[in-house]
Each structure stands twice: as C-alpha cells, then as structure tokens.
Amino acid sequence: MDRAVDAAALAGTQVETGHWMLNIFMNADGIGKAVIILLLIVSFISWTIVIDKLLRLRRLNRLANGFEEQFWSGGSLDDLYDRAGDKPSEPMSAMFGAAMREWRRAAAKGAAAAGAVRASLQGRIDRVMQVTLGREMDRLERFMTTLASIGSTAPFIGLFGTVWGIMNSFHAIAASRNTSLAVVAPGIAEALFATALGLVAAIPAVIAYNKLSGDMARYAGRLDAFANEFAAILSRQLDERG
C-alpha cells in the first residue's frame, strides 16, 4: 500500500516538475515575463539565422563545385556563358558572367589590340569581378551582425532578469517579514531561469558566429582564387590576340 502511495506521489511530482518552466513564467511579474519572452525571441532569431546560413553555404559550395567542373572541362567559355545566362545561380558564376560581359563588350568594339587598351581591359575585368565578389559576400553575410549582437547582449539581458528576480525575493522577504524558502524561492527561480535562458541564447550564437565566419572566409577565398585564375586566362588570351 505504501509503495502504491509512493508511486502515485512520485508520478505527481514528475508531472509538476515537467511544467516548472511554465510555472516560473506564470509566477513572474511583468518585467520578468518580458525578459523571458525577449530571450526566447532572440534565441529563435539566432537559430533561424544559423540554419539559414548553414544551408545556404552548403548549397553555394555544391553549386560552385558544379560550375568549376564545367569551367575546367575544357569547353568554350562563350558556350558556358550562354548556358549560364543573365541570372547566375551562385556568386562564382556571377563573377564569371560579369567578366565575360566586359570581355564581350570590348571584343564587340574591337578594343583588344593595343597594349594600353589591353591593360585597361584587364583592369576593368579585375574590377568588375572584385565588385561582384564584394556584392555577393555582402549578401551572404547579411544578418551576421545580428547574430554577433545576440551572442554579446543575451547574457546581459539574462543578467538583468537575474538581478530583477533577486530584487523580487528581497522585496518578498521585506513584505512578509519571513525568510523561509517558500517566500524567496519564486524570485530565485525566476532569477536562475533568466540566467539560463541568457546563456542558452548566447552560447550557440557565439559558437555559430565563429564557425560561420570561418566558413564564409574560406568561401570568399575560393571565389577570390577563381577570380585570379580566370583573370590570368583572359590575360593570356589578350596577349595571344595582341
């Protein structure tokens, strides 16, 4: 009989424990609830940015692999440009398209003979590829500052919630003139919950920011290396025409 009672009591305790976070939120005052909601929102934003960037980088690297395979297959660059069209699917093909448009524009004007003209054309091709590279990387790095801000500010938001919860505990002691655990527990629980949420929001954001920054730097290096290789190919063709 005692075992049955103990099992029932344990089951009730487990059910109550499963809702402890909701209980903390419901027992918090307006400012405590605002801190908890804000931390949940920034954590959701952080994970949304991280997942989006990871999937986008994976997709861009896969598309870049396919484009490089076609580029180095030995086929005609003009045919590759015609297949890519005016709407490239990823930054590497966008850089290639920008350079090819400048190349074709100069070829149509017959401006690839004199040495000074060739140097000017080579400079323009280099610039349009670098401009395209910068524009595409700016687009890829969008919202990275938001992720960094979340990683740096979320602990302080949680710290504010901690301080506020402790202040509520002291206020409850002063109002009730009682220092029992039942009086201070709600405020302390609210304070520790805010601290935990701040760390839960900040730590993944910082780790993801560092990883994504490294991945983007490697991707930018890959694009820059392609730009240099393609510029060298066009320079050789200009020399051959000269």
C-alpha atoms as a PDB file:
ATOM      1  CA  MET A   1       0.000   0.000   0.000  1.00  0.00           C
ATOM      2  CA  ASP A   2       2.838   2.323   0.928  1.00  0.00           C
ATOM      3  CA  ARG A   3       4.573   1.549  -2.361  1.00  0.00           C
ATOM      4  CA  ALA A   4       1.416   2.425  -4.285  1.00  0.00           C
ATOM      5  CA  VAL A   5       1.143   5.719  -2.450  1.00  0.00           C
ATOM      6  CA  ASP A   6       4.819   6.476  -3.057  1.00  0.00           C
ATOM      7  CA  ALA A   7       4.464   5.703  -6.769  1.00  0.00           C
ATOM      8  CA  ALA A   8       1.448   7.983  -7.046  1.00  0.00           C
ATOM      9  CA  ALA A   9       3.261  10.754  -5.214  1.00  0.00           C
ATOM     10  CA  LEU A  10       6.323  10.325  -7.459  1.00  0.00           C
ATOM     11  CA  ALA A  11       4.193  10.455 -10.597  1.00  0.00           C
ATOM     12  CA  GLY A  12       2.551  13.636  -9.384  1.00  0.00           C
ATOM     13  CA  THR A  13       5.951  15.156  -8.659  1.00  0.00           C
ATOM     14  CA  GLN A  14       7.204  14.284 -12.154  1.00  0.00           C
ATOM     15  CA  VAL A  15       4.148  15.888 -13.771  1.00  0.00           C
ATOM     16  CA  GLU A  16       4.624  19.009 -11.682  1.00  0.00           C
ATOM     17  CA  THR A  17       8.340  19.093 -12.491  1.00  0.00           C
ATOM     18  CA  GLY A  18       7.581  18.830 -16.211  1.00  0.00           C
ATOM     19  CA  HIS A  19       5.741  22.155 -16.018  1.00  0.00           C
ATOM     20  CA  TRP A  20       8.216  24.001 -13.829  1.00  0.00           C
ATOM     21  CA  MET A  21       9.332  26.364 -16.608  1.00  0.00           C
ATOM     22  CA  LEU A  22       5.743  27.334 -17.334  1.00  0.00           C
ATOM     23  CA  ASN A  23       5.137  27.814 -13.619  1.00  0.00           C
ATOM     24  CA  ILE A  24       8.148  30.117 -13.330  1.00  0.00           C
ATOM     25  CA  PHE A  25       6.927  32.168 -16.266  1.00  0.00           C
ATOM     26  CA  MET A  26       3.380  32.414 -14.933  1.00  0.00           C
ATOM     27  CA  ASN A  27       4.568  33.410 -11.455  1.00  0.00           C
ATOM     28  CA  ALA A  28       6.926  36.109 -12.760  1.00  0.00           C
ATOM     29  CA  ASP A  29       5.897  39.747 -12.792  1.00  0.00           C
ATOM     30  CA  GLY A  30       5.578  41.858 -15.943  1.00  0.00           C
ATOM     31  CA  ILE A  31       9.270  42.707 -16.258  1.00  0.00           C
ATOM     32  CA  GLY A  32      10.324  39.119 -15.562  1.00  0.00           C
ATOM     33  CA  LYS A  33       7.943  37.853 -18.241  1.00  0.00           C
ATOM     34  CA  ALA A  34       9.228  40.473 -20.692  1.00  0.00           C
ATOM     35  CA  VAL A  35      12.833  39.345 -20.119  1.00  0.00           C
ATOM     36  CA  ILE A  36      11.926  35.675 -20.622  1.00  0.00           C
ATOM     37  CA  ILE A  37       9.937  36.411 -23.795  1.00  0.00           C
ATOM     38  CA  LEU A  38      12.720  38.602 -25.180  1.00  0.00           C
ATOM     39  CA  LEU A  39      15.318  35.895 -24.597  1.00  0.00           C
ATOM     40  CA  LEU A  40      13.116  33.287 -26.260  1.00  0.00           C
ATOM     41  CA  ILE A  41      12.632  35.581 -29.260  1.00  0.00           C
ATOM     42  CA  VAL A  42      16.346  36.326 -29.712  1.00  0.00           C
ATOM     43  CA  SER A  43      17.136  32.617 -29.345  1.00  0.00           C
ATOM     44  CA  PHE A  44      14.616  31.826 -32.107  1.00  0.00           C
ATOM     45  CA  ILE A  45      16.102  34.571 -34.324  1.00  0.00           C
ATOM     46  CA  SER A  46      19.598  33.253 -33.674  1.00  0.00           C
ATOM     47  CA  TRP A  47      18.737  29.691 -34.665  1.00  0.00           C
ATOM     48  CA  THR A  48      16.854  30.923 -37.739  1.00  0.00           C
ATOM     49  CA  ILE A  49      19.935  32.822 -38.941  1.00  0.00           C
ATOM     50  CA  VAL A  50      22.273  29.926 -38.189  1.00  0.00           C
ATOM     51  CA  ILE A  51      20.186  27.322 -40.014  1.00  0.00           C
ATOM     52  CA  ASP A  52      19.666  29.644 -42.994  1.00  0.00           C
ATOM     53  CA  LYS A  53      23.401  30.393 -43.318  1.00  0.00           C
ATOM     54  CA  LEU A  54      24.449  26.769 -42.949  1.00  0.00           C
ATOM     55  CA  LEU A  55      22.010  25.616 -45.613  1.00  0.00           C
ATOM     56  CA  ARG A  56      22.940  28.483 -47.924  1.00  0.00           C
ATOM     57  CA  LEU A  57      26.676  27.859 -47.620  1.00  0.00           C
ATOM     58  CA  ARG A  58      26.177  24.159 -48.306  1.00  0.00           C
ATOM     59  CA  ARG A  59      24.084  24.991 -51.370  1.00  0.00           C
ATOM     60  CA  LEU A  60      26.561  27.584 -52.690  1.00  0.00           C
ATOM     61  CA  ASN A  61      29.529  25.242 -52.312  1.00  0.00           C
ATOM     62  CA  ARG A  62      27.631  22.498 -54.122  1.00  0.00           C
ATOM     63  CA  LEU A  63      26.736  24.857 -56.982  1.00  0.00           C
ATOM     64  CA  ALA A  64      30.308  26.164 -57.106  1.00  0.00           C
ATOM     65  CA  ASN A  65      31.592  22.599 -57.439  1.00  0.00           C
ATOM     66  CA  GLY A  66      29.301  22.038 -60.407  1.00  0.00           C
ATOM     67  CA  PHE A  67      30.287  25.316 -62.040  1.00  0.00           C
ATOM     68  CA  GLU A  68      34.015  24.687 -61.604  1.00  0.00           C
ATOM     69  CA  GLU A  69      33.609  21.246 -63.102  1.00  0.00           C
ATOM     70  CA  GLN A  70      32.077  22.801 -66.214  1.00  0.00           C
ATOM     71  CA  PHE A  71      34.591  25.640 -66.269  1.00  0.00           C
ATOM     72  CA  TRP A  72      37.634  23.370 -66.182  1.00  0.00           C
ATOM     73  CA  SER A  73      36.153  20.764 -68.517  1.00  0.00           C
ATOM     74  CA  GLY A  74      37.908  22.355 -71.495  1.00  0.00           C
ATOM     75  CA  GLY A  75      34.771  23.591 -73.211  1.00  0.00           C
ATOM     76  CA  SER A  76      34.223  27.012 -74.732  1.00  0.00           C
ATOM     77  CA  LEU A  77      33.900  29.871 -72.256  1.00  0.00           C
ATOM     78  CA  ASP A  78      31.399  31.539 -74.552  1.00  0.00           C
ATOM     79  CA  ASP A  79      29.209  28.447 -74.532  1.00  0.00           C
ATOM     80  CA  LEU A  80      29.439  28.285 -70.753  1.00  0.00           C
ATOM     81  CA  TYR A  81      28.443  31.938 -70.509  1.00  0.00           C
ATOM     82  CA  ASP A  82      25.492  31.401 -72.843  1.00  0.00           C
ATOM     83  CA  ARG A  83      24.314  28.460 -70.736  1.00  0.00           C
ATOM     84  CA  ALA A  84      24.646  30.437 -67.502  1.00  0.00           C
ATOM     85  CA  GLY A  85      22.507  33.246 -68.887  1.00  0.00           C
ATOM     86  CA  ASP A  86      21.906  36.624 -67.307  1.00  0.00           C
ATOM     87  CA  LYS A  87      20.739  35.192 -63.971  1.00  0.00           C
ATOM     88  CA  PRO A  88      23.567  33.195 -62.407  1.00  0.00           C
ATOM     89  CA  SER A  89      22.645  30.782 -59.648  1.00  0.00           C
ATOM     90  CA  GLU A  90      25.609  31.475 -57.350  1.00  0.00           C
ATOM     91  CA  PRO A  91      28.436  34.014 -56.805  1.00  0.00           C
ATOM     92  CA  MET A  92      31.130  32.199 -58.786  1.00  0.00           C
ATOM     93  CA  SER A  93      29.058  32.101 -61.954  1.00  0.00           C
ATOM     94  CA  ALA A  94      28.036  35.725 -61.269  1.00  0.00           C
ATOM     95  CA  MET A  95      31.713  36.752 -61.255  1.00  0.00           C
ATOM     96  CA  PHE A  96      32.304  34.760 -64.422  1.00  0.00           C
ATOM     97  CA  GLY A  97      29.314  36.405 -66.097  1.00  0.00           C
ATOM     98  CA  ALA A  98      30.425  39.920 -65.126  1.00  0.00           C
ATOM     99  CA  ALA A  99      33.901  39.315 -66.543  1.00  0.00           C
ATOM    100  CA  MET A 100      32.548  37.768 -69.738  1.00  0.00           C
ATOM    101  CA  ARG A 101      30.178  40.688 -70.320  1.00  0.00           C
ATOM    102  CA  GLU A 102      33.089  43.101 -70.073  1.00  0.00           C
ATOM    103  CA  TRP A 103      35.134  40.877 -72.364  1.00  0.00           C
ATOM    104  CA  ARG A 104      32.399  40.661 -74.994  1.00  0.00           C
ATOM    105  CA  ARG A 105      31.727  44.385 -74.810  1.00  0.00           C
ATOM    106  CA  ALA A 106      35.381  45.107 -75.561  1.00  0.00           C
ATOM    107  CA  ALA A 107      35.507  42.462 -78.291  1.00  0.00           C
ATOM    108  CA  ALA A 108      32.431  43.926 -79.970  1.00  0.00           C
ATOM    109  CA  LYS A 109      34.161  47.306 -80.105  1.00  0.00           C
ATOM    110  CA  GLY A 110      37.376  45.738 -81.372  1.00  0.00           C
ATOM    111  CA  ALA A 111      39.232  47.140 -78.361  1.00  0.00           C
ATOM    112  CA  ALA A 112      41.682  44.338 -77.668  1.00  0.00           C
ATOM    113  CA  ALA A 113      44.670  45.156 -79.855  1.00  0.00           C
ATOM    114  CA  ALA A 114      46.824  47.937 -78.461  1.00  0.00           C
ATOM    115  CA  GLY A 115      48.888  47.277 -75.358  1.00  0.00           C
ATOM    116  CA  ALA A 116      47.410  50.200 -73.410  1.00  0.00           C
ATOM    117  CA  VAL A 117      43.892  49.115 -74.352  1.00  0.00           C
ATOM    118  CA  ARG A 118      44.622  45.548 -73.260  1.00  0.00           C
ATOM    119  CA  ALA A 119      45.888  46.766 -69.885  1.00  0.00           C
ATOM    120  CA  SER A 120      42.788  48.915 -69.452  1.00  0.00           C
ATOM    121  CA  LEU A 121      40.522  45.992 -70.332  1.00  0.00           C
ATOM    122  CA  GLN A 122      42.358  43.714 -67.945  1.00  0.00           C
ATOM    123  CA  GLY A 123      41.942  46.266 -65.178  1.00  0.00           C
ATOM    124  CA  ARG A 124      38.217  46.609 -65.869  1.00  0.00           C
ATOM    125  CA  ILE A 125      37.738  42.840 -65.811  1.00  0.00           C
ATOM    126  CA  ASP A 126      39.552  42.593 -62.491  1.00  0.00           C
ATOM    127  CA  ARG A 127      37.450  45.399 -61.018  1.00  0.00           C
ATOM    128  CA  VAL A 128      34.092  44.010 -62.134  1.00  0.00           C
ATOM    129  CA  MET A 129      34.938  40.622 -60.648  1.00  0.00           C
ATOM    130  CA  GLN A 130      36.022  42.189 -57.351  1.00  0.00           C
ATOM    131  CA  VAL A 131      32.900  44.343 -57.236  1.00  0.00           C
ATOM    132  CA  THR A 132      30.749  41.284 -57.902  1.00  0.00           C
ATOM    133  CA  LEU A 133      32.652  39.346 -55.243  1.00  0.00           C
ATOM    134  CA  GLY A 134      32.072  42.102 -52.690  1.00  0.00           C
ATOM    135  CA  ARG A 135      28.391  42.381 -53.530  1.00  0.00           C
ATOM    136  CA  GLU A 136      27.793  38.642 -53.304  1.00  0.00           C
ATOM    137  CA  MET A 137      29.670  38.345 -50.000  1.00  0.00           C
ATOM    138  CA  ASP A 138      27.722  41.268 -48.551  1.00  0.00           C
ATOM    139  CA  ARG A 139      24.541  39.435 -49.458  1.00  0.00           C
ATOM    140  CA  LEU A 140      25.809  36.214 -47.906  1.00  0.00           C
ATOM    141  CA  GLU A 141      26.987  37.924 -44.702  1.00  0.00           C
ATOM    142  CA  ARG A 142      23.676  39.704 -44.139  1.00  0.00           C
ATOM    143  CA  PHE A 143      22.377  39.309 -40.545  1.00  0.00           C
ATOM    144  CA  MET A 144      25.754  38.122 -39.279  1.00  0.00           C
ATOM    145  CA  THR A 145      25.999  41.306 -37.197  1.00  0.00           C
ATOM    146  CA  THR A 146      22.611  40.407 -35.710  1.00  0.00           C
ATOM    147  CA  LEU A 147      23.987  37.020 -34.697  1.00  0.00           C
ATOM    148  CA  ALA A 148      27.053  38.658 -33.138  1.00  0.00           C
ATOM    149  CA  SER A 149      24.850  41.136 -31.268  1.00  0.00           C
ATOM    150  CA  ILE A 150      22.731  38.324 -29.853  1.00  0.00           C
ATOM    151  CA  GLY A 151      25.832  36.492 -28.691  1.00  0.00           C
ATOM    152  CA  SER A 152      27.178  39.572 -26.910  1.00  0.00           C
ATOM    153  CA  THR A 153      23.973  41.009 -25.409  1.00  0.00           C
ATOM    154  CA  ALA A 154      21.910  37.943 -24.435  1.00  0.00           C
ATOM    155  CA  PRO A 155      23.980  37.236 -21.267  1.00  0.00           C
ATOM    156  CA  PHE A 156      23.405  40.806 -20.083  1.00  0.00           C
ATOM    157  CA  ILE A 157      19.674  40.532 -20.717  1.00  0.00           C
ATOM    158  CA  GLY A 158      19.710  37.334 -18.682  1.00  0.00           C
ATOM    159  CA  LEU A 159      21.763  39.111 -16.000  1.00  0.00           C
ATOM    160  CA  PHE A 160      19.148  41.845 -15.808  1.00  0.00           C
ATOM    161  CA  GLY A 161      16.498  39.164 -15.287  1.00  0.00           C
ATOM    162  CA  THR A 162      18.696  37.628 -12.580  1.00  0.00           C
ATOM    163  CA  VAL A 163      19.030  40.899 -10.718  1.00  0.00           C
ATOM    164  CA  TRP A 164      15.318  41.586 -11.038  1.00  0.00           C
ATOM    165  CA  GLY A 165      14.402  38.151  -9.678  1.00  0.00           C
ATOM    166  CA  ILE A 166      16.702  38.580  -6.692  1.00  0.00           C
ATOM    167  CA  MET A 167      15.237  42.033  -6.040  1.00  0.00           C
ATOM    168  CA  ASN A 168      11.786  40.442  -6.031  1.00  0.00           C
ATOM    169  CA  SER A 169      12.994  37.891  -3.473  1.00  0.00           C
ATOM    170  CA  PHE A 170      14.260  40.613  -1.141  1.00  0.00           C
ATOM    171  CA  HIS A 171      11.033  42.540  -1.608  1.00  0.00           C
ATOM    172  CA  ALA A 172       9.032  39.429  -0.680  1.00  0.00           C
ATOM    173  CA  ILE A 173      11.152  38.984   2.461  1.00  0.00           C
ATOM    174  CA  ALA A 174      10.605  42.605   3.458  1.00  0.00           C
ATOM    175  CA  ALA A 175       6.879  42.457   2.795  1.00  0.00           C
ATOM    176  CA  SER A 176       6.230  39.182   4.614  1.00  0.00           C
ATOM    177  CA  ARG A 177       8.963  39.523   7.278  1.00  0.00           C
ATOM    178  CA  ASN A 178       9.666  35.873   6.619  1.00  0.00           C
ATOM    179  CA  THR A 179      12.879  34.345   5.262  1.00  0.00           C
ATOM    180  CA  SER A 180      11.501  30.867   4.604  1.00  0.00           C
ATOM    181  CA  LEU A 181      12.261  29.109   1.333  1.00  0.00           C
ATOM    182  CA  ALA A 182       8.641  29.376   0.227  1.00  0.00           C
ATOM    183  CA  VAL A 183       8.955  33.167   0.241  1.00  0.00           C
ATOM    184  CA  VAL A 184      12.250  33.544  -1.630  1.00  0.00           C
ATOM    185  CA  ALA A 185      12.006  30.512  -3.937  1.00  0.00           C
ATOM    186  CA  PRO A 186       9.841  32.099  -6.698  1.00  0.00           C
ATOM    187  CA  GLY A 187      12.170  35.089  -7.113  1.00  0.00           C
ATOM    188  CA  ILE A 188      15.318  32.948  -7.015  1.00  0.00           C
ATOM    189  CA  ALA A 189      13.844  30.510  -9.531  1.00  0.00           C
ATOM    190  CA  GLU A 190      12.947  33.393 -11.836  1.00  0.00           C
ATOM    191  CA  ALA A 191      16.474  34.794 -11.496  1.00  0.00           C
ATOM    192  CA  LEU A 192      18.192  31.489 -12.286  1.00  0.00           C
ATOM    193  CA  PHE A 193      15.801  30.815 -15.174  1.00  0.00           C
ATOM    194  CA  ALA A 194      16.654  34.177 -16.746  1.00  0.00           C
ATOM    195  CA  THR A 195      20.366  33.426 -16.353  1.00  0.00           C
ATOM    196  CA  ALA A 196      19.953  30.040 -18.020  1.00  0.00           C
ATOM    197  CA  LEU A 197      17.951  31.474 -20.907  1.00  0.00           C
ATOM    198  CA  GLY A 198      20.569  34.177 -21.477  1.00  0.00           C
ATOM    199  CA  LEU A 199      23.305  31.555 -21.728  1.00  0.00           C
ATOM    200  CA  VAL A 200      21.155  29.280 -23.905  1.00  0.00           C
ATOM    201  CA  ALA A 201      20.655  32.171 -26.336  1.00  0.00           C
ATOM    202  CA  ALA A 202      24.241  33.458 -26.254  1.00  0.00           C
ATOM    203  CA  ILE A 203      26.439  30.349 -26.341  1.00  0.00           C
ATOM    204  CA  PRO A 204      25.049  28.819 -29.582  1.00  0.00           C
ATOM    205  CA  ALA A 205      25.074  32.262 -31.210  1.00  0.00           C
ATOM    206  CA  VAL A 206      28.765  32.816 -30.406  1.00  0.00           C
ATOM    207  CA  ILE A 207      29.795  29.313 -31.492  1.00  0.00           C
ATOM    208  CA  ALA A 208      27.763  29.541 -34.707  1.00  0.00           C
ATOM    209  CA  TYR A 209      29.099  33.029 -35.472  1.00  0.00           C
ATOM    210  CA  ASN A 210      32.703  31.835 -35.224  1.00  0.00           C
ATOM    211  CA  LYS A 211      32.018  28.778 -37.369  1.00  0.00           C
ATOM    212  CA  LEU A 212      30.061  30.684 -39.993  1.00  0.00           C
ATOM    213  CA  SER A 213      32.686  33.426 -40.135  1.00  0.00           C
ATOM    214  CA  GLY A 214      35.366  30.819 -40.829  1.00  0.00           C
ATOM    215  CA  ASP A 215      33.245  29.072 -43.458  1.00  0.00           C
ATOM    216  CA  MET A 216      32.458  32.371 -45.188  1.00  0.00           C
ATOM    217  CA  ALA A 217      36.119  33.387 -45.148  1.00  0.00           C
ATOM    218  CA  ARG A 218      37.057  30.107 -46.825  1.00  0.00           C
ATOM    219  CA  TYR A 219      34.287  30.563 -49.383  1.00  0.00           C
ATOM    220  CA  ALA A 220      35.430  34.129 -50.103  1.00  0.00           C
ATOM    221  CA  GLY A 221      38.976  32.821 -50.563  1.00  0.00           C
ATOM    222  CA  ARG A 222      37.678  30.236 -53.008  1.00  0.00           C
ATOM    223  CA  LEU A 223      35.911  32.940 -55.017  1.00  0.00           C
ATOM    224  CA  ASP A 224      38.980  35.176 -54.959  1.00  0.00           C
ATOM    225  CA  ALA A 225      41.185  32.323 -56.164  1.00  0.00           C
ATOM    226  CA  PHE A 226      38.781  31.661 -59.045  1.00  0.00           C
ATOM    227  CA  ALA A 227      38.793  35.360 -59.946  1.00  0.00           C
ATOM    228  CA  ASN A 228      42.592  35.381 -60.101  1.00  0.00           C
ATOM    229  CA  GLU A 229      42.712  32.209 -62.203  1.00  0.00           C
ATOM    230  CA  PHE A 230      40.059  33.470 -64.609  1.00  0.00           C
ATOM    231  CA  ALA A 231      41.803  36.847 -64.899  1.00  0.00           C
ATOM    232  CA  ALA A 232      45.035  35.022 -65.787  1.00  0.00           C
ATOM    233  CA  ILE A 233      43.220  33.047 -68.507  1.00  0.00           C
ATOM    234  CA  LEU A 234      41.752  36.193 -70.034  1.00  0.00           C
ATOM    235  CA  SER A 235      45.136  37.923 -69.822  1.00  0.00           C
ATOM    236  CA  ARG A 236      46.740  35.104 -71.804  1.00  0.00           C
ATOM    237  CA  GLN A 237      44.036  35.330 -74.446  1.00  0.00           C
ATOM    238  CA  LEU A 238      44.574  39.097 -74.678  1.00  0.00           C
ATOM    239  CA  ASP A 239      48.299  38.537 -75.174  1.00  0.00           C
ATOM    240  CA  GLU A 240      47.615  35.958 -77.855  1.00  0.00           C
ATOM    241  CA  ARG A 241      45.320  38.372 -79.702  1.00  0.00           C
ATOM    242  CA  GLY A 242      47.874  41.129 -79.421  1.00  0.00           C
END
